[in-house]
C-alpha atoms as a PDB file:
ATOM      1  CA  GLU A   1      17.417  15.024  -8.117  1.00  0.00           C
ATOM      2  CA  ARG A   2      14.886  12.971  -6.179  1.00  0.00           C
ATOM      3  CA  TYR A   3      15.631  13.772  -2.544  1.00  0.00           C
ATOM      4  CA  PRO A   4      12.562  13.642  -0.262  1.00  0.00           C
ATOM      5  CA  GLY A   5      10.180  16.552  -0.685  1.00  0.00           C
ATOM      6  CA  SER A   6      11.782  17.804  -3.910  1.00  0.00           C
ATOM      7  CA  PRO A   7       9.980  18.407  -7.234  1.00  0.00           C
ATOM      8  CA  GLY A   8      12.055  15.562  -8.677  1.00  0.00           C
ATOM      9  CA  SER A   9      10.805  13.213  -5.971  1.00  0.00           C
ATOM     10  CA  TYR A  10       7.199  14.137  -6.782  1.00  0.00           C
ATOM     11  CA  ALA A  11       7.828  13.630 -10.515  1.00  0.00           C
ATOM     12  CA  ALA A  12       9.437  10.219  -9.913  1.00  0.00           C
ATOM     13  CA  ARG A  13       6.555   9.156  -7.666  1.00  0.00           C
ATOM     14  CA  GLN A  14       3.979  10.218 -10.270  1.00  0.00           C
ATOM     15  CA  HIS A  15       5.878   8.366 -12.997  1.00  0.00           C
ATOM     16  CA  ILE A  16       6.005   5.138 -10.982  1.00  0.00           C
ATOM     17  CA  MET A  17       2.304   5.327 -10.147  1.00  0.00           C
ATOM     18  CA  GLN A  18       1.261   6.150 -13.717  1.00  0.00           C
ATOM     19  CA  ARG A  19       3.284   3.268 -15.138  1.00  0.00           C
ATOM     20  CA  ILE A  20       1.580   0.848 -12.743  1.00  0.00           C
ATOM     21  CA  GLN A  21      -1.887   2.324 -13.356  1.00  0.00           C
ATOM     22  CA  ARG A  22      -1.501   1.718 -17.111  1.00  0.00           C
ATOM     23  CA  LEU A  23      -1.222  -2.026 -16.574  1.00  0.00           C
ATOM     24  CA  GLN A  24      -4.182  -4.353 -17.067  1.00  0.00           C
ATOM     25  CA  ALA A  25      -3.492  -6.476 -13.992  1.00  0.00           C
ATOM     26  CA  ASP A  26      -5.373  -5.275 -10.938  1.00  0.00           C
ATOM     27  CA  TRP A  27      -2.565  -3.693  -8.911  1.00  0.00           C
ATOM     28  CA  VAL A  28      -3.719  -1.862  -5.776  1.00  0.00           C
ATOM     29  CA  LEU A  29      -1.669   1.269  -5.088  1.00  0.00           C
ATOM     30  CA  GLU A  30      -1.083   2.678  -1.615  1.00  0.00           C
ATOM     31  CA  ILE A  31       0.928   5.796  -0.764  1.00  0.00           C
ATOM     32  CA  ASP A  32       2.404   5.791   2.731  1.00  0.00           C
ATOM     33  CA  THR A  33       3.101   9.485   3.430  1.00  0.00           C
ATOM     34  CA  PHE A  34       4.543  10.627   6.750  1.00  0.00           C
ATOM     35  CA  LEU A  35       6.673  13.300   8.422  1.00  0.00           C
ATOM     36  CA  SER A  36       9.992  12.486  10.054  1.00  0.00           C
ATOM     37  CA  GLN A  37      12.615  14.491  11.892  1.00  0.00           C
ATOM     38  CA  THR A  38      15.846  14.920   9.884  1.00  0.00           C
ATOM     39  CA  PRO A  39      19.054  16.961  10.329  1.00  0.00           C
ATOM     40  CA  TYR A  40      17.253  19.675   8.329  1.00  0.00           C
ATOM     41  CA  GLY A  41      14.027  19.618  10.339  1.00  0.00           C
ATOM     42  CA  TYR A  42      10.851  17.741   9.552  1.00  0.00           C
ATOM     43  CA  ARG A  43      10.587  16.384   6.022  1.00  0.00           C
ATOM     44  CA  SER A  44       7.765  14.626   4.201  1.00  0.00           C
ATOM     45  CA  PHE A  45       8.366  11.125   2.830  1.00  0.00           C
ATOM     46  CA  SER A  46       6.160   8.882   0.673  1.00  0.00           C
ATOM     47  CA  ASN A  47       6.557   5.132   0.189  1.00  0.00           C
ATOM     48  CA  ILE A  48       4.762   3.532  -2.760  1.00  0.00           C
ATOM     49  CA  ILE A  49       3.239   0.089  -2.198  1.00  0.00           C
ATOM     50  CA  SER A  50       1.704  -1.748  -5.149  1.00  0.00           C
ATOM     51  CA  THR A  51      -0.002  -5.051  -4.348  1.00  0.00           C
ATOM     52  CA  LEU A  52      -1.557  -7.675  -6.567  1.00  0.00           C
ATOM     53  CA  ASN A  53      -4.427  -9.382  -4.736  1.00  0.00           C
ATOM     54  CA  PRO A  54      -3.957  -7.743  -1.302  1.00  0.00           C
ATOM     55  CA  THR A  55      -6.060 -10.433   0.407  1.00  0.00           C
ATOM     56  CA  ALA A  56      -3.651 -13.230  -0.584  1.00  0.00           C
ATOM     57  CA  LYS A  57      -2.166 -14.835   2.507  1.00  0.00           C
ATOM     58  CA  ARG A  58       1.418 -14.565   1.264  1.00  0.00           C
ATOM     59  CA  HIS A  59       3.351 -12.187  -0.967  1.00  0.00           C
ATOM     60  CA  LEU A  60       6.663 -12.219  -2.762  1.00  0.00           C
ATOM     61  CA  VAL A  61       7.909  -8.668  -2.150  1.00  0.00           C
ATOM     62  CA  LEU A  62      10.253  -6.959  -4.608  1.00  0.00           C
ATOM     63  CA  ALA A  63      11.583  -3.638  -3.348  1.00  0.00           C
ATOM     64  CA  CYS A  64      13.910  -0.741  -4.120  1.00  0.00           C
ATOM     65  CA  HIS A  65      14.223   2.940  -3.194  1.00  0.00           C
ATOM     66  CA  TYR A  66      13.414   5.825  -5.525  1.00  0.00           C
ATOM     67  CA  ASP A  67      14.990   8.745  -3.656  1.00  0.00           C
ATOM     68  CA  SER A  68      18.450  10.128  -4.385  1.00  0.00           C
ATOM     69  CA  LYS A  69      21.096  11.586  -2.089  1.00  0.00           C
ATOM     70  CA  TYR A  70      20.575  15.182  -0.930  1.00  0.00           C
ATOM     71  CA  PHE A  71      23.407  17.694  -1.133  1.00  0.00           C
ATOM     72  CA  HIS A  72      22.996  21.215   0.239  1.00  0.00           C
ATOM     73  CA  PRO A  73      23.179  23.940  -2.466  1.00  0.00           C
ATOM     74  CA  TRP A  74      26.489  25.238  -1.104  1.00  0.00           C
ATOM     75  CA  ASP A  75      28.072  21.838  -1.788  1.00  0.00           C
ATOM     76  CA  ASN A  76      27.670  22.567  -5.502  1.00  0.00           C
ATOM     77  CA  ARG A  77      27.058  18.869  -6.163  1.00  0.00           C
ATOM     78  CA  VAL A  78      24.171  16.920  -7.680  1.00  0.00           C
ATOM     79  CA  PHE A  79      23.546  13.219  -7.013  1.00  0.00           C
ATOM     80  CA  VAL A  80      21.853  11.662 -10.033  1.00  0.00           C
ATOM     81  CA  GLY A  81      21.574   8.164  -8.568  1.00  0.00           C
ATOM     82  CA  ALA A  82      21.303   6.061 -11.732  1.00  0.00           C
ATOM     83  CA  THR A  83      22.475   2.849 -10.080  1.00  0.00           C
ATOM     84  CA  ASP A  84      21.393   4.132  -6.657  1.00  0.00           C
ATOM     85  CA  SER A  85      18.618   3.487  -7.406  1.00  0.00           C
ATOM     86  CA  ALA A  86      16.883   4.483 -10.640  1.00  0.00           C
ATOM     87  CA  VAL A  87      17.904   1.268 -12.430  1.00  0.00           C
ATOM     88  CA  PRO A  88      16.267  -1.018  -9.812  1.00  0.00           C
ATOM     89  CA  CYS A  89      13.087   1.106 -10.059  1.00  0.00           C
ATOM     90  CA  ALA A  90      13.105   0.661 -13.837  1.00  0.00           C
ATOM     91  CA  MET A  91      13.665  -3.089 -13.418  1.00  0.00           C
ATOM     92  CA  LEU A  92      10.594  -3.478 -11.198  1.00  0.00           C
ATOM     93  CA  LEU A  93       8.422  -1.419 -13.539  1.00  0.00           C
ATOM     94  CA  GLU A  94       9.612  -3.395 -16.560  1.00  0.00           C
ATOM     95  CA  LEU A  95       9.004  -6.678 -14.737  1.00  0.00           C
ATOM     96  CA  ALA A  96       5.409  -5.650 -14.002  1.00  0.00           C
ATOM     97  CA  ARG A  97       4.915  -4.602 -17.637  1.00  0.00           C
ATOM     98  CA  ALA A  98       6.470  -7.758 -19.095  1.00  0.00           C
ATOM     99  CA  LEU A  99       4.336 -10.031 -16.888  1.00  0.00           C
ATOM    100  CA  ASP A 100       1.139  -8.018 -17.264  1.00  0.00           C
ATOM    101  CA  LYS A 101      -0.706 -10.412 -19.592  1.00  0.00           C
ATOM    102  CA  GLN A 102       0.262 -13.465 -17.550  1.00  0.00           C
ATOM    103  CA  LEU A 103      -0.795 -11.827 -14.289  1.00  0.00           C
ATOM    104  CA  LEU A 104      -4.081 -10.717 -15.845  1.00  0.00           C
ATOM    105  CA  SER A 105      -4.792 -14.238 -17.113  1.00  0.00           C
ATOM    106  CA  LEU A 106      -4.350 -15.606 -13.586  1.00  0.00           C
ATOM    107  CA  GLU A 107      -6.946 -13.141 -12.311  1.00  0.00           C
ATOM    108  CA  LYS A 108      -9.473 -14.318 -14.895  1.00  0.00           C
ATOM    109  CA  ILE A 109      -9.407 -17.958 -13.793  1.00  0.00           C
ATOM    110  CA  PRO A 110     -12.860 -18.642 -12.223  1.00  0.00           C
ATOM    111  CA  ASP A 111     -12.823 -18.916  -8.432  1.00  0.00           C
ATOM    112  CA  SER A 112      -9.069 -18.404  -8.463  1.00  0.00           C
ATOM    113  CA  LYS A 113      -7.815 -16.879  -5.221  1.00  0.00           C
ATOM    114  CA  PRO A 114      -4.140 -17.819  -4.990  1.00  0.00           C
ATOM    115  CA  ASP A 115      -2.523 -17.865  -1.576  1.00  0.00           C
ATOM    116  CA  LEU A 116       0.657 -16.343  -3.042  1.00  0.00           C
ATOM    117  CA  SER A 117       0.834 -13.054  -4.928  1.00  0.00           C
ATOM    118  CA  LEU A 118       3.182 -10.144  -5.710  1.00  0.00           C
ATOM    119  CA  GLN A 119       3.936  -6.866  -3.984  1.00  0.00           C
ATOM    120  CA  LEU A 120       6.212  -4.060  -5.182  1.00  0.00           C
ATOM    121  CA  ILE A 121       7.563  -1.507  -2.699  1.00  0.00           C
ATOM    122  CA  PHE A 122       9.328   1.706  -3.698  1.00  0.00           C
ATOM    123  CA  PHE A 123      10.877   3.186  -0.563  1.00  0.00           C
ATOM    124  CA  ASP A 124      11.453   6.897  -0.019  1.00  0.00           C
ATOM    125  CA  GLY A 125      14.244   8.283   2.153  1.00  0.00           C
ATOM    126  CA  GLU A 126      16.741   5.442   1.965  1.00  0.00           C
ATOM    127  CA  GLU A 127      19.632   7.869   1.649  1.00  0.00           C
ATOM    128  CA  ALA A 128      20.988   9.869   4.586  1.00  0.00           C
ATOM    129  CA  LEU A 129      20.235  13.570   4.301  1.00  0.00           C
ATOM    130  CA  LEU A 130      23.489  14.524   6.035  1.00  0.00           C
ATOM    131  CA  HIS A 131      25.594  11.657   7.447  1.00  0.00           C
ATOM    132  CA  TRP A 132      24.552   8.001   7.522  1.00  0.00           C
ATOM    133  CA  SER A 133      23.413   6.942  10.982  1.00  0.00           C
ATOM    134  CA  LEU A 134      20.646   4.923  12.599  1.00  0.00           C
ATOM    135  CA  ARG A 135      18.461   8.036  12.698  1.00  0.00           C
ATOM    136  CA  ASP A 136      19.551   9.638   9.436  1.00  0.00           C
ATOM    137  CA  SER A 137      18.881   6.889   6.879  1.00  0.00           C
ATOM    138  CA  LEU A 138      16.250   4.354   5.821  1.00  0.00           C
ATOM    139  CA  TYR A 139      13.386   6.709   6.693  1.00  0.00           C
ATOM    140  CA  GLY A 140      10.838   4.953   4.503  1.00  0.00           C
ATOM    141  CA  SER A 141      11.517   1.374   5.561  1.00  0.00           C
ATOM    142  CA  ARG A 142      11.869   2.322   9.243  1.00  0.00           C
ATOM    143  CA  HIS A 143       8.389   3.847   9.065  1.00  0.00           C
ATOM    144  CA  LEU A 144       6.730   1.150   6.969  1.00  0.00           C
ATOM    145  CA  ALA A 145       8.002  -1.882   8.912  1.00  0.00           C
ATOM    146  CA  PRO A 146       6.224  -1.098  12.223  1.00  0.00           C
ATOM    147  CA  LYS A 147       3.149   0.046  10.301  1.00  0.00           C
ATOM    148  CA  MET A 148       2.938  -3.320   8.549  1.00  0.00           C
ATOM    149  CA  ALA A 149       3.679  -5.136  11.815  1.00  0.00           C
ATOM    150  CA  SER A 150       0.606  -3.491  13.367  1.00  0.00           C
ATOM    151  CA  THR A 151      -1.692  -4.205  10.394  1.00  0.00           C
ATOM    152  CA  PRO A 152      -3.533  -7.571  10.614  1.00  0.00           C
ATOM    153  CA  HIS A 153      -3.083  -9.830   7.604  1.00  0.00           C
ATOM    154  CA  PRO A 154      -5.044 -11.395   6.080  1.00  0.00           C
ATOM    155  CA  PRO A 155      -7.642  -8.732   6.928  1.00  0.00           C
ATOM    156  CA  GLY A 156      -9.346  -9.626  10.188  1.00  0.00           C
ATOM    157  CA  ALA A 157      -6.561 -11.922  11.396  1.00  0.00           C
ATOM    158  CA  LYS A 158      -5.801 -11.806  15.125  1.00  0.00           C
ATOM    159  CA  ASP A 159      -2.370 -13.420  15.281  1.00  0.00           C
ATOM    160  CA  THR A 160      -0.660 -12.500  11.993  1.00  0.00           C
ATOM    161  CA  ASN A 161       0.253  -9.206  10.327  1.00  0.00           C
ATOM    162  CA  GLN A 162       1.513  -7.928   6.978  1.00  0.00           C
ATOM    163  CA  LEU A 163       5.126  -8.737   7.831  1.00  0.00           C
ATOM    164  CA  HIS A 164       4.126 -12.341   8.520  1.00  0.00           C
ATOM    165  CA  GLY A 165       2.561 -12.334   5.053  1.00  0.00           C
ATOM    166  CA  MET A 166       5.923 -11.676   3.374  1.00  0.00           C
ATOM    167  CA  ASP A 167       7.134 -15.001   2.009  1.00  0.00           C
ATOM    168  CA  LEU A 168      10.330 -13.416   0.752  1.00  0.00           C
ATOM    169  CA  LEU A 169      11.684  -9.869   0.442  1.00  0.00           C
ATOM    170  CA  VAL A 170      14.045  -9.242  -2.477  1.00  0.00           C
ATOM    171  CA  LEU A 171      15.691  -5.821  -2.265  1.00  0.00           C
ATOM    172  CA  LEU A 172      17.295  -4.377  -5.402  1.00  0.00           C
ATOM    173  CA  ASP A 173      19.943  -1.665  -4.970  1.00  0.00           C
ATOM    174  CA  LEU A 174      23.201  -0.519  -6.556  1.00  0.00           C
ATOM    175  CA  ILE A 175      22.490  -2.247  -9.874  1.00  0.00           C
ATOM    176  CA  GLY A 176      23.377  -0.937 -13.321  1.00  0.00           C
ATOM    177  CA  ALA A 177      27.172  -0.985 -13.534  1.00  0.00           C
ATOM    178  CA  PRO A 178      28.861  -3.334 -16.056  1.00  0.00           C
ATOM    179  CA  ASN A 179      29.433  -7.002 -15.194  1.00  0.00           C
ATOM    180  CA  PRO A 180      27.419  -7.228 -11.963  1.00  0.00           C
ATOM    181  CA  THR A 181      27.778 -10.179  -9.612  1.00  0.00           C
ATOM    182  CA  PHE A 182      25.574 -11.107  -6.681  1.00  0.00           C
ATOM    183  CA  PRO A 183      26.819 -13.226  -3.752  1.00  0.00           C
ATOM    184  CA  ASN A 184      24.560 -14.889  -1.214  1.00  0.00           C
ATOM    185  CA  PHE A 185      24.168 -12.530   1.762  1.00  0.00           C
ATOM    186  CA  PHE A 186      21.810 -14.638   3.867  1.00  0.00           C
ATOM    187  CA  PRO A 187      22.213 -18.356   4.682  1.00  0.00           C
ATOM    188  CA  LYS A 188      18.543 -18.569   5.720  1.00  0.00           C
ATOM    189  CA  SER A 189      17.386 -17.766   2.193  1.00  0.00           C
ATOM    190  CA  ALA A 190      20.103 -19.778   0.406  1.00  0.00           C
ATOM    191  CA  ARG A 191      17.553 -22.083  -1.248  1.00  0.00           C
ATOM    192  CA  TRP A 192      16.000 -19.116  -3.049  1.00  0.00           C
ATOM    193  CA  PHE A 193      19.421 -17.869  -4.094  1.00  0.00           C
ATOM    194  CA  ASN A 194      20.180 -21.339  -5.454  1.00  0.00           C
ATOM    195  CA  ARG A 195      16.975 -21.206  -7.502  1.00  0.00           C
ATOM    196  CA  LEU A 196      18.109 -17.937  -9.073  1.00  0.00           C
ATOM    197  CA  GLU A 197      21.411 -19.612  -9.919  1.00  0.00           C
ATOM    198  CA  ALA A 198      19.599 -22.510 -11.576  1.00  0.00           C
ATOM    199  CA  ILE A 199      17.308 -20.159 -13.532  1.00  0.00           C
ATOM    200  CA  GLU A 200      20.328 -18.204 -14.775  1.00  0.00           C
ATOM    201  CA  GLN A 201      22.007 -21.383 -16.032  1.00  0.00           C
ATOM    202  CA  GLU A 202      18.812 -22.526 -17.763  1.00  0.00           C
ATOM    203  CA  LEU A 203      18.404 -19.155 -19.505  1.00  0.00           C
ATOM    204  CA  HIS A 204      21.994 -19.446 -20.707  1.00  0.00           C
ATOM    205  CA  LYS A 205      21.340 -22.931 -22.134  1.00  0.00           C
ATOM    206  CA  LEU A 206      18.312 -21.551 -24.005  1.00  0.00           C
ATOM    207  CA  GLY A 207      20.386 -18.706 -25.452  1.00  0.00           C
ATOM    208  CA  LEU A 208      18.217 -16.039 -23.843  1.00  0.00           C
ATOM    209  CA  LEU A 209      21.012 -14.039 -22.193  1.00  0.00           C
ATOM    210  CA  LYS A 210      22.904 -11.428 -24.226  1.00  0.00           C
ATOM    211  CA  ASP A 211      26.556 -10.436 -23.731  1.00  0.00           C
ATOM    212  CA  TYR A 212      26.886 -13.163 -21.159  1.00  0.00           C
ATOM    213  CA  SER A 213      29.529 -15.695 -20.179  1.00  0.00           C
ATOM    214  CA  LEU A 214      29.276 -18.609 -17.766  1.00  0.00           C
ATOM    215  CA  GLU A 215      32.788 -17.678 -16.672  1.00  0.00           C
ATOM    216  CA  ARG A 216      31.264 -14.641 -14.980  1.00  0.00           C
ATOM    217  CA  CYS A 217      27.833 -15.621 -13.683  1.00  0.00           C
ATOM    218  CA  TYR A 218      25.532 -13.029 -12.176  1.00  0.00           C
ATOM    219  CA  PHE A 219      24.654 -15.197  -9.179  1.00  0.00           C
ATOM    220  CA  GLN A 220      27.790 -16.628  -7.595  1.00  0.00           C
ATOM    221  CA  ASN A 221      27.468 -19.349  -5.013  1.00  0.00           C
ATOM    222  CA  HIS A 222      29.592 -17.930  -2.244  1.00  0.00           C
ATOM    223  CA  SER A 223      28.525 -16.211   0.946  1.00  0.00           C
ATOM    224  CA  TYR A 224      29.226 -12.612   1.848  1.00  0.00           C
ATOM    225  CA  GLY A 225      29.861 -12.272   5.564  1.00  0.00           C
ATOM    226  CA  GLY A 226      29.535  -8.504   5.952  1.00  0.00           C
ATOM    227  CA  VAL A 227      26.373  -6.737   7.059  1.00  0.00           C
ATOM    228  CA  ILE A 228      25.084  -4.009   4.751  1.00  0.00           C
ATOM    229  CA  GLN A 229      22.629  -1.507   6.178  1.00  0.00           C
ATOM    230  CA  ASP A 230      19.768  -1.059   3.729  1.00  0.00           C
ATOM    231  CA  ASP A 231      15.972  -1.132   3.564  1.00  0.00           C
ATOM    232  CA  HIS A 232      15.815  -4.902   4.168  1.00  0.00           C
ATOM    233  CA  ILE A 233      16.842  -4.487   7.824  1.00  0.00           C
END
């Protein structure tokens, strides 16, 4: 169990940080710890922000949540949360590991200060502690968003903040079940979704996808009209 404030939450947070600290690329870790009122009183939450080249003007942000759903002991239930959302956490950590040498080589280019870099965010407190509502859910992202909005970026800027520095936010959640498919949720970012589609097709042509069929693509070019409340909002 990884509900906020639990020993499992602490262990998961330490694991994520240690995996990132082992990498050769110069990731800068920040822990955003805060208290928030919940149906069970004040609880402590900790977001994990890992940034490559924090002074870069723009960042591609990949995010997920590492907490799991809390059930009171008398419910006699345990929420493991493999797809919600241990698998997305593992995907981000594996991505950072797999790209480590390439990211390190970019850092070693003389006088190289790219305007675009990477940021990984692991949110705490995505799950409701009792019943999902505007106040009982998304604790980590609701705290981090205004904090980033009030932090100048690049450092010393007067008119732009860390939210302005996000080129694109890609939120991973509910991933890990067999045969996943991903529709396009946002027309404004359709061009990026289309790029993922094209990359998927190219990987298929190169024979780099296992247990895969073009008849059931991961990225499917149709829009999903519903609104899903999650850390991206």
